[in-house]
Amino acid sequence: TRLTNYRFTRRRTVASKVKSTVPERCEFDFDTNRWVFEGLVGRKDLVVSVDECEISHTVYLYKCRDCVVQVQGKVNAVSIDACSKCAVVFTDVVSMLEVVHSQSMQLQVTGVLRTAVFDSSSSVSFYISAACSPQLDVITSKCDAINLLPEPAEGEEPKELAVPTQFVTKIVGGAAVTVPSSSIGSD
């Protein structure tokens, strides 16, 4: 894969081709017990089938761009690091979903997930199954534009729920109390 690095000069814009520092890798790593997708660009055919999944497996995406990954069985965890413009659909995750340093992601859980962690990520749409919604904990740190889209009940319109990125902290009775910011300048 090749990435384009743009250098700007006063007279013109020059595009130079730079090789990706991450070699393409799409395999099961027996040493770490995980499915590894690294350095992939434009792949829409990445599937981990029910027959290949085990509850002890982890799915790991690193520096992938413009890819679609489907995990069709129950796995221990899904980790996404430094990816952009990818879509990941998974069934059941025992431990957690972790998204770090990623942008413009679309994620969907069709089964059960207890914890989703987003760190230093932006523009994430997370589609949540009805079975998952009641017990799901979403934890964010240094994120913006994280949107949760729970599966609507029959006959209802879908809702997009934004995760707050700005908070107000006040000292009340000697303790710090933090609440999501409703608007600038309000109490």
Protein backbone atom coordinates (compact mmCIF):
# COMPACT_ATOMS: atom_id res chain seq x y z
CA THR A 1 0.00 0.00 0.00
CA ARG A 2 1.06 3.52 -0.64
CA LEU A 3 0.07 6.67 1.15
CA THR A 4 0.39 10.10 -0.33
CA ASN A 5 2.31 12.65 1.68
CA TYR A 6 1.69 16.26 0.64
CA ARG A 7 4.40 18.85 1.10
CA PHE A 8 3.31 22.43 0.62
CA THR A 9 5.66 24.99 -0.87
CA ARG A 10 5.06 28.64 -1.73
CA ARG A 11 4.79 28.05 -5.47
CA ARG A 12 2.98 24.71 -5.79
CA THR A 13 1.79 21.59 -4.01
CA VAL A 14 3.99 18.55 -4.50
CA ALA A 15 2.69 15.04 -3.83
CA SER A 16 5.26 12.39 -3.02
CA LYS A 17 4.47 8.71 -2.56
CA VAL A 18 5.56 7.18 0.72
CA LYS A 19 5.37 3.48 1.56
CA SER A 20 3.24 2.52 4.51
CA THR A 21 5.33 1.65 7.57
CA VAL A 22 2.97 -1.23 8.41
CA PRO A 23 3.11 -4.31 6.18
CA GLU A 24 -0.23 -5.83 5.18
CA ARG A 25 -1.23 -8.65 7.47
CA CYS A 26 -4.50 -10.57 7.64
CA GLU A 27 -4.16 -13.78 9.65
CA PHE A 28 -4.74 -15.67 12.89
CA ASP A 29 -1.77 -15.38 15.26
CA PHE A 30 -1.56 -18.57 17.32
CA ASP A 31 0.97 -17.06 19.77
CA THR A 32 -1.36 -14.25 20.88
CA ASN A 33 -4.62 -16.09 20.12
CA ARG A 34 -5.98 -13.25 17.99
CA TRP A 35 -7.16 -12.36 14.51
CA VAL A 36 -4.84 -9.65 13.19
CA PHE A 37 -5.74 -7.17 10.44
CA GLU A 38 -2.87 -4.71 9.91
CA GLY A 39 -2.08 -2.12 7.27
CA LEU A 40 -5.02 -3.03 5.02
CA VAL A 41 -6.49 -0.47 2.61
CA GLY A 42 -9.76 -0.74 0.70
CA ARG A 43 -10.58 -4.34 1.71
CA LYS A 44 -14.33 -5.02 1.93
CA ASP A 45 -14.17 -8.82 2.12
CA LEU A 46 -12.71 -9.43 5.59
CA VAL A 47 -14.79 -12.05 7.43
CA VAL A 48 -14.12 -14.13 10.53
CA SER A 49 -16.79 -16.83 10.29
CA VAL A 50 -18.62 -18.63 13.09
CA ASP A 51 -16.55 -21.77 12.41
CA GLU A 52 -13.30 -19.83 12.91
CA CYS A 53 -14.29 -17.93 16.09
CA GLU A 54 -13.69 -19.09 19.62
CA ILE A 55 -14.60 -17.39 22.87
CA SER A 56 -10.89 -16.99 23.74
CA HIS A 57 -10.01 -15.16 20.49
CA THR A 58 -9.41 -11.43 20.13
CA VAL A 59 -9.90 -9.42 16.94
CA TYR A 60 -7.25 -6.71 16.41
CA LEU A 61 -7.29 -4.02 13.70
CA TYR A 62 -4.27 -1.73 13.32
CA LYS A 63 -3.74 1.08 10.82
CA CYS A 64 -6.46 -0.11 8.45
CA ARG A 65 -8.16 2.36 6.11
CA ASP A 66 -11.42 2.08 4.19
CA CYS A 67 -12.07 -1.56 5.18
CA VAL A 68 -15.08 -3.62 6.25
CA VAL A 69 -14.59 -6.41 8.81
CA GLN A 70 -17.31 -8.88 9.86
CA VAL A 71 -16.91 -11.04 12.96
CA GLN A 72 -19.70 -13.62 12.87
CA GLY A 73 -19.10 -15.50 16.13
CA LYS A 74 -18.51 -14.87 19.83
CA VAL A 75 -15.04 -13.50 20.64
CA ASN A 76 -13.33 -12.30 23.81
CA ALA A 77 -12.49 -8.74 22.68
CA VAL A 78 -12.33 -6.41 19.67
CA SER A 79 -9.48 -3.85 19.58
CA ILE A 80 -9.22 -1.13 16.94
CA ASP A 81 -6.11 1.07 16.88
CA ALA A 82 -5.21 3.94 14.51
CA CYS A 83 -7.80 3.05 11.86
CA SER A 84 -9.82 5.39 9.66
CA LYS A 85 -12.97 5.10 7.56
CA CYS A 86 -13.54 1.45 8.54
CA ALA A 87 -16.72 -0.44 9.36
CA VAL A 88 -16.68 -3.32 11.85
CA VAL A 89 -19.72 -5.56 12.46
CA PHE A 90 -19.53 -8.12 15.26
CA THR A 91 -21.93 -10.46 17.02
CA ASP A 92 -21.01 -11.11 20.67
CA VAL A 93 -18.03 -9.80 22.65
CA VAL A 94 -17.38 -11.23 26.11
CA SER A 95 -14.90 -8.65 27.44
CA MET A 96 -14.96 -5.31 25.59
CA LEU A 97 -14.72 -3.25 22.45
CA GLU A 98 -11.77 -0.85 22.48
CA VAL A 99 -11.28 1.92 19.92
CA VAL A 100 -8.09 4.03 20.16
CA HIS A 101 -6.73 6.81 17.92
CA SER A 102 -9.30 6.13 15.19
CA GLN A 103 -11.40 8.43 12.98
CA SER A 104 -14.56 8.12 10.89
CA MET A 105 -15.51 4.66 12.12
CA GLN A 106 -18.80 2.78 11.88
CA LEU A 107 -19.28 -0.01 14.40
CA GLN A 108 -22.20 -2.37 14.92
CA VAL A 109 -22.88 -4.98 17.58
CA THR A 110 -25.64 -7.41 16.60
CA GLY A 111 -25.48 -9.46 19.80
CA VAL A 112 -24.27 -8.74 23.33
CA LEU A 113 -21.50 -6.41 24.53
CA ARG A 114 -21.00 -5.12 28.08
CA THR A 115 -18.28 -2.46 27.70
CA ALA A 116 -17.18 -0.14 24.89
CA VAL A 117 -14.11 2.07 25.41
CA PHE A 118 -13.27 4.97 23.10
CA ASP A 119 -9.97 6.82 23.58
CA SER A 120 -8.61 9.68 21.45
CA SER A 121 -11.08 8.93 18.65
CA SER A 122 -13.46 11.06 16.59
CA SER A 123 -16.46 10.69 14.30
CA VAL A 124 -17.60 7.25 15.46
CA SER A 125 -21.10 5.92 14.80
CA PHE A 126 -21.87 2.95 17.05
CA TYR A 127 -24.99 0.92 16.19
CA ILE A 128 -26.20 -1.01 19.25
CA SER A 129 -28.48 -4.07 19.27
CA ALA A 130 -31.59 -4.15 21.47
CA ALA A 131 -30.12 -7.07 23.45
CA CYS A 132 -27.02 -5.02 24.21
CA SER A 133 -28.52 -1.62 25.11
CA PRO A 134 -29.67 -2.17 28.72
CA GLN A 135 -26.33 -3.32 30.16
CA LEU A 136 -23.84 -1.48 27.89
CA ASP A 137 -21.29 0.85 29.53
CA VAL A 138 -19.68 3.36 27.15
CA ILE A 139 -16.45 4.93 28.42
CA THR A 140 -14.85 7.83 26.53
CA SER A 141 -11.64 9.81 26.94
CA LYS A 142 -10.36 12.62 24.68
CA CYS A 143 -13.05 11.90 22.07
CA ASP A 144 -15.37 13.97 19.92
CA ALA A 145 -18.39 13.16 17.75
CA ILE A 146 -19.14 9.77 19.30
CA ASN A 147 -22.73 8.88 18.41
CA LEU A 148 -24.71 5.95 19.80
CA LEU A 149 -27.52 4.54 17.68
CA PRO A 150 -29.55 2.01 19.68
CA GLU A 151 -31.79 -0.36 17.74
CA PRO A 152 -35.30 1.13 17.80
CA ALA A 153 -38.30 -0.80 19.06
CA GLU A 154 -40.72 -1.96 16.38
CA GLY A 155 -42.61 1.00 14.94
CA GLU A 156 -40.25 3.63 16.42
CA GLU A 157 -37.93 5.97 14.57
CA PRO A 158 -34.18 5.43 15.06
CA LYS A 159 -32.48 7.86 17.51
CA GLU A 160 -28.94 9.18 17.39
CA LEU A 161 -27.56 9.87 20.86
CA ALA A 162 -24.48 12.07 21.09
CA VAL A 163 -21.95 11.35 23.84
CA PRO A 164 -21.10 14.64 25.61
CA THR A 165 -17.60 15.97 25.05
CA GLN A 166 -17.77 19.07 27.25
CA PHE A 167 -18.32 18.99 31.00
CA VAL A 168 -18.78 21.51 33.79
CA THR A 169 -17.18 20.86 37.17
CA LYS A 170 -18.24 22.77 40.27
CA ILE A 171 -17.24 22.47 43.90
CA VAL A 172 -20.32 21.57 45.93
CA GLY A 173 -20.02 20.89 49.65
CA GLY A 174 -16.25 20.37 49.40
CA ALA A 175 -16.49 17.81 46.56
CA ALA A 176 -16.02 18.16 42.81
CA VAL A 177 -19.28 17.53 40.93
CA THR A 178 -19.05 17.07 37.16
CA VAL A 179 -22.03 17.13 34.78
CA PRO A 180 -22.28 17.29 30.98
CA SER A 181 -22.37 20.85 29.65
CA SER A 182 -25.82 21.75 28.38
CA SER A 183 -24.79 25.06 26.82
CA ILE A 184 -22.15 27.72 27.24
CA GLY A 185 -22.91 30.16 30.05
CA SER A 186 -25.74 28.18 31.67
CA ASP A 187 -25.83 27.05 35.28
